Each structure stands twice: as structure tokens, then as C-alpha cells.
């Protein structure tokens, strides 16, 4: 049983970190899109749009990991 408690604690810590990270990815996306809108030259706009797209990819990856961790947590809790 102590191993299960340790597993649950570890899963909760990972979930908490991801829950904190997801909004930061969204903030970074919004920042890069704002920066893209400030530049008239195509190269600058494309660079910031690329960075924004990367942030959304990070967010999507984190959401998938979060879903998996939540499933693991539920399994650990129920046995």
C-alpha cells in the first residue's frame, strides 16, 4: 500500500505541474501572435506565427499527457 500512495503522490505532482504549464503555453501563444501583428515585414510575422504555432503544439502535447496521467491516477486509486 505505501507504494501505491507514493505512486498517487507522484502522479498528482505531475498533474499539478502540467495544469500550471498549459495556461503558460496559451499566454506564450497570445504573446507571439501579438508580436506577429506588430510587424509589417513578412519574415518577422512568419517567425512569430511559427513560434505561436509551436506553443499550441506544446499545449496539445501537455493536454494529452494530462489525460493519460489522470487515467493512471484513477487506476491507481481504484486498484
Protein backbone atom coordinates (compact mmCIF):
# COMPACT_ATOMS: atom_id res chain seq x y z
CA UNK A 1 0.00 0.00 0.00
CA UNK A 2 2.78 2.56 0.69
CA UNK A 3 3.99 2.11 -2.89
CA UNK A 4 0.50 2.97 -4.16
CA UNK A 5 0.45 6.13 -2.03
CA UNK A 6 3.84 7.09 -3.44
CA UNK A 7 2.58 6.47 -6.98
CA UNK A 8 -0.53 8.58 -6.38
CA UNK A 9 1.54 11.39 -4.87
CA UNK A 10 3.89 11.34 -7.87
CA UNK A 11 1.03 11.37 -10.36
CA UNK A 12 -0.62 14.28 -8.54
CA UNK A 13 2.64 16.26 -8.66
CA UNK A 14 2.98 15.67 -12.40
CA UNK A 15 -0.65 16.64 -12.98
CA UNK A 16 -0.19 19.83 -10.96
CA UNK A 17 2.87 20.81 -13.00
CA UNK A 18 1.03 20.28 -16.27
CA UNK A 19 -2.03 22.17 -15.06
CA UNK A 20 0.28 25.12 -14.35
CA UNK A 21 2.12 24.79 -17.68
CA UNK A 22 -0.89 24.71 -20.02
CA UNK A 23 -2.03 28.30 -19.39
CA UNK A 24 1.55 29.47 -19.80
CA UNK A 25 1.66 27.89 -23.25
CA UNK A 26 -1.53 29.77 -24.11
CA UNK A 27 -0.05 33.03 -22.82
CA UNK A 28 3.07 32.48 -24.92
CA UNK A 29 0.89 31.78 -27.97
CA UNK A 30 -1.02 35.02 -27.43
CA UNK A 31 2.21 36.96 -26.94
CA UNK A 32 3.72 35.67 -30.17
CA UNK A 33 0.53 36.40 -32.09
CA UNK A 34 0.54 39.95 -30.71
CA UNK A 35 4.15 40.30 -31.79
CA UNK A 36 3.33 38.97 -35.25
CA UNK A 37 0.63 41.61 -35.62
CA UNK A 38 3.12 44.38 -34.82
CA UNK A 39 5.42 43.68 -37.74
CA UNK A 40 4.77 44.60 -41.32
CA UNK A 41 7.55 42.53 -42.83
CA UNK A 42 6.58 39.01 -43.75
CA UNK A 43 9.70 37.34 -42.31
CA UNK A 44 9.07 38.72 -38.82
CA UNK A 45 5.37 37.90 -38.92
CA UNK A 46 6.09 34.35 -40.08
CA UNK A 47 8.70 33.85 -37.37
CA UNK A 48 6.32 34.91 -34.60
CA UNK A 49 3.46 32.91 -36.12
CA UNK A 50 5.74 29.86 -36.22
CA UNK A 51 6.62 30.34 -32.56
CA UNK A 52 2.93 30.73 -31.71
CA UNK A 53 2.14 27.51 -33.54
CA UNK A 54 4.85 25.73 -31.54
CA UNK A 55 3.25 26.90 -28.31
CA UNK A 56 -0.09 25.43 -29.37
CA UNK A 57 1.65 22.16 -30.22
CA UNK A 58 3.18 22.17 -26.73
CA UNK A 59 -0.25 22.82 -25.21
CA UNK A 60 -1.78 19.96 -27.19
CA UNK A 61 1.00 17.60 -26.10
CA UNK A 62 0.58 18.62 -22.48
CA UNK A 63 -3.17 18.06 -22.67
CA UNK A 64 -2.61 14.53 -24.00
CA UNK A 65 -0.10 13.81 -21.24
CA UNK A 66 -2.53 15.24 -18.67
CA UNK A 67 -5.31 12.95 -19.88
CA UNK A 68 -3.00 9.95 -19.63
CA UNK A 69 -1.83 10.90 -16.14
CA UNK A 70 -5.41 11.39 -14.98
CA UNK A 71 -6.27 7.90 -16.24
CA UNK A 72 -3.24 6.50 -14.42
CA UNK A 73 -4.28 8.30 -11.24
CA UNK A 74 -7.81 6.93 -11.43
CA UNK A 75 -6.45 3.42 -11.98
CA UNK A 76 -4.07 3.80 -9.01
CA UNK A 77 -6.90 4.99 -6.78
CA UNK A 78 -9.29 2.20 -7.73
CA UNK A 79 -6.77 -0.57 -7.62
